[in-house]
């Protein structure tokens, strides 16, 4: 049996394989109705993929690298007790001043290569804050500006680096010592 390019035999577990797509995936045989092979993401075992052959598994792993959604008919449950999920919900509640009505995972892939476009001077976005629709325009302070990059296919923007944090007040710049820089013109109601 030929092993696909993005899958290797496991050096640690007999009969298991390791797949590569946005990190390592441990691939083992299974008797599931979803497929003969089960892949679990090593860094997040709640993320799983099923396939009927290693070739099909390889295609699914490649699709993750390409940013395409896997198992479109089957939604994976979000673990509401994970540390990341609790932190995300808290940030949402602090910023939006209300509880989320529903929680969903938004699949995305972090590209291995990105194109450097330039530094971001300001960013504008609108969202509800409490019950009001609010327009935010944030002018980045001189040492706080992130670098805007784009994925090679041009479909995903990335903000890399910069001295800022997103808090309950929105984007907050920091100086070289990590202290917050106040922005009086933080947001305006629409």
Protein backbone atom coordinates (compact mmCIF):
# COMPACT_ATOMS: atom_id res chain seq x y z
CA UNK A 1 0.00 0.00 0.00
CA UNK A 2 1.42 3.39 -1.01
CA UNK A 3 1.33 5.99 1.75
CA UNK A 4 0.20 9.49 0.67
CA UNK A 5 2.74 12.32 0.84
CA UNK A 6 1.25 14.11 3.88
CA UNK A 7 0.93 10.91 5.97
CA UNK A 8 3.78 8.97 7.64
CA UNK A 9 3.88 5.71 9.59
CA UNK A 10 3.95 6.36 13.32
CA UNK A 11 7.27 5.60 14.96
CA UNK A 12 5.55 5.15 18.32
CA UNK A 13 2.42 3.08 17.73
CA UNK A 14 2.22 0.02 15.51
CA UNK A 15 -0.47 0.29 12.82
CA UNK A 16 -0.94 4.03 13.39
CA UNK A 17 -0.03 6.92 11.12
CA UNK A 18 0.66 10.63 11.52
CA UNK A 19 -0.93 13.14 9.16
CA UNK A 20 0.07 16.77 8.72
CA UNK A 21 -2.37 19.67 8.27
CA UNK A 22 -2.23 22.72 10.51
CA UNK A 23 -0.34 20.55 13.00
CA UNK A 24 -0.05 16.80 13.51
CA UNK A 25 -2.99 14.36 13.36
CA UNK A 26 -2.82 10.84 14.84
CA UNK A 27 -4.49 8.39 12.43
CA UNK A 28 -5.73 4.98 13.60
CA UNK A 29 -7.99 2.20 12.30
CA UNK A 30 -11.62 2.33 13.43
CA UNK A 31 -14.86 0.39 12.94
CA UNK A 32 -17.00 3.51 12.66
CA UNK A 33 -19.78 3.93 10.13
CA UNK A 34 -18.14 7.28 9.26
CA UNK A 35 -15.04 5.56 7.88
CA UNK A 36 -12.28 2.98 8.38
CA UNK A 37 -9.73 5.57 9.54
CA UNK A 38 -9.99 8.13 12.35
CA UNK A 39 -7.69 11.15 12.66
CA UNK A 40 -7.49 13.21 15.85
CA UNK A 41 -5.63 16.50 15.95
CA UNK A 42 -2.76 16.12 18.41
CA UNK A 43 -3.14 19.63 19.85
CA UNK A 44 -6.97 19.38 20.09
CA UNK A 45 -8.26 15.78 20.23
CA UNK A 46 -11.86 17.03 19.97
CA UNK A 47 -11.13 17.75 16.29
CA UNK A 48 -11.64 14.55 14.32
CA UNK A 49 -11.76 13.42 10.71
CA UNK A 50 -13.05 10.13 9.31
CA UNK A 51 -12.15 8.55 5.98
CA UNK A 52 -12.57 5.18 4.27
CA UNK A 53 -8.97 5.07 2.99
CA UNK A 54 -5.63 6.72 3.72
CA UNK A 55 -5.82 8.37 0.31
CA UNK A 56 -9.17 9.93 1.23
CA UNK A 57 -7.73 10.99 4.61
CA UNK A 58 -4.82 12.61 2.79
CA UNK A 59 -7.27 14.58 0.63
CA UNK A 60 -9.16 15.76 3.74
CA UNK A 61 -5.90 16.86 5.39
CA UNK A 62 -4.92 18.70 2.19
CA UNK A 63 -8.32 20.44 2.23
CA UNK A 64 -7.57 21.76 5.72
CA UNK A 65 -4.32 23.23 4.44
CA UNK A 66 -6.24 24.75 1.53
CA UNK A 67 -8.74 26.31 3.95
CA UNK A 68 -11.73 24.28 2.75
CA UNK A 69 -14.26 23.01 5.31
CA UNK A 70 -14.29 19.29 6.11
CA UNK A 71 -17.31 17.04 6.68
CA UNK A 72 -19.77 19.74 5.52
CA UNK A 73 -22.85 17.72 6.50
CA UNK A 74 -21.59 17.05 10.02
CA UNK A 75 -21.07 19.84 12.53
CA UNK A 76 -18.58 19.22 15.29
CA UNK A 77 -19.70 20.14 18.77
CA UNK A 78 -17.85 22.97 20.47
CA UNK A 79 -16.52 22.01 23.87
CA UNK A 80 -17.99 24.74 26.14
CA UNK A 81 -15.64 23.75 28.96
CA UNK A 82 -12.32 24.24 27.18
CA UNK A 83 -10.07 26.99 28.50
CA UNK A 84 -10.00 28.76 25.13
CA UNK A 85 -13.79 28.65 24.84
CA UNK A 86 -14.27 30.08 28.34
CA UNK A 87 -11.80 32.88 27.57
CA UNK A 88 -13.54 33.62 24.24
CA UNK A 89 -17.00 33.75 25.86
CA UNK A 90 -15.70 36.02 28.65
CA UNK A 91 -14.11 38.42 26.14
CA UNK A 92 -17.35 38.46 24.11
CA UNK A 93 -19.44 39.19 27.21
CA UNK A 94 -17.05 41.88 28.48
CA UNK A 95 -16.90 43.68 25.12
CA UNK A 96 -20.45 43.19 23.84
CA UNK A 97 -22.04 43.56 27.34
CA UNK A 98 -24.31 40.57 26.77
CA UNK A 99 -24.16 36.80 26.64
CA UNK A 100 -23.74 35.14 23.23
CA UNK A 101 -26.98 33.70 21.84
CA UNK A 102 -25.15 30.80 20.24
CA UNK A 103 -21.61 29.57 19.98
CA UNK A 104 -20.16 28.27 16.75
CA UNK A 105 -16.75 27.29 15.50
CA UNK A 106 -15.53 29.21 12.48
CA UNK A 107 -13.07 26.99 10.61
CA UNK A 108 -9.95 28.66 9.28
CA UNK A 109 -6.44 27.69 8.35
CA UNK A 110 -3.32 29.64 9.22
CA UNK A 111 -1.23 29.83 6.05
CA UNK A 112 2.39 28.72 6.17
CA UNK A 113 3.37 31.66 3.96
CA UNK A 114 1.93 35.18 3.86
CA UNK A 115 2.50 38.28 1.73
CA UNK A 116 3.67 41.41 3.61
CA UNK A 117 1.31 44.25 2.59
CA UNK A 118 2.28 46.98 5.08
CA UNK A 119 1.61 48.39 8.52
CA UNK A 120 -1.97 49.12 9.59
CA UNK A 121 -2.50 52.80 10.48
CA UNK A 122 -6.12 52.36 11.61
CA UNK A 123 -8.91 49.80 11.58
CA UNK A 124 -12.66 50.35 11.45
CA UNK A 125 -15.43 47.92 12.34
CA UNK A 126 -19.01 47.96 13.51
CA UNK A 127 -20.61 45.80 16.14
CA UNK A 128 -23.29 45.91 18.78
CA UNK A 129 -22.11 47.05 22.18
CA UNK A 130 -24.83 46.41 24.70
CA UNK A 131 -27.91 47.12 22.58
CA UNK A 132 -26.40 49.90 20.44
CA UNK A 133 -24.87 49.47 17.00
CA UNK A 134 -21.47 51.12 17.34
CA UNK A 135 -18.88 52.07 14.75
CA UNK A 136 -15.32 51.75 15.97
CA UNK A 137 -12.32 53.36 14.33
CA UNK A 138 -9.04 52.67 16.04
CA UNK A 139 -5.97 54.71 15.10
CA UNK A 140 -2.91 52.70 16.09
CA UNK A 141 -0.19 54.48 18.06
CA UNK A 142 3.23 54.68 16.45
CA UNK A 143 4.88 51.57 17.99
CA UNK A 144 1.69 49.55 18.19
CA UNK A 145 0.86 49.08 14.52
CA UNK A 146 0.43 45.46 13.36
CA UNK A 147 1.70 44.27 10.02
CA UNK A 148 -1.07 43.41 7.55
CA UNK A 149 -0.36 40.27 5.57
CA UNK A 150 -2.48 38.24 3.17
CA UNK A 151 -2.57 34.53 2.39
CA UNK A 152 -1.10 33.52 -0.97
CA UNK A 153 -4.60 32.93 -2.41
CA UNK A 154 -5.63 36.47 -1.40
CA UNK A 155 -8.67 35.32 0.62
CA UNK A 156 -7.45 35.76 4.19
CA UNK A 157 -6.07 38.89 5.89
CA UNK A 158 -3.80 38.55 8.91
CA UNK A 159 -2.74 41.17 11.45
CA UNK A 160 0.67 40.12 12.76
CA UNK A 161 2.61 41.59 15.64
CA UNK A 162 2.05 45.05 17.03
CA UNK A 163 1.75 46.21 20.62
CA UNK A 164 -1.97 46.03 21.36
CA UNK A 165 -4.56 43.83 23.03
CA UNK A 166 -8.24 43.38 22.37
CA UNK A 167 -10.06 43.98 25.67
CA UNK A 168 -13.55 44.81 26.89
CA UNK A 169 -12.89 48.33 25.53
CA UNK A 170 -11.88 47.06 22.08
CA UNK A 171 -8.37 47.49 20.68
CA UNK A 172 -6.04 49.02 23.27
CA UNK A 173 -2.51 50.09 22.27
CA UNK A 174 0.43 49.50 24.57
CA UNK A 175 3.69 51.36 24.87
CA UNK A 176 7.14 49.73 24.84
CA UNK A 177 6.82 48.94 28.57
CA UNK A 178 3.44 47.23 28.10
CA UNK A 179 1.36 50.04 29.62
CA UNK A 180 -1.99 50.89 28.03
CA UNK A 181 -2.19 54.00 25.85
CA UNK A 182 -5.53 55.82 26.20
CA UNK A 183 -7.53 56.65 23.06
CA UNK A 184 -10.16 59.34 23.71
CA UNK A 185 -11.89 58.86 20.33
CA UNK A 186 -12.55 55.18 20.93
CA UNK A 187 -15.91 54.57 19.22
CA UNK A 188 -19.10 56.36 18.28
CA UNK A 189 -22.74 55.32 18.19
CA UNK A 190 -24.36 55.02 14.77
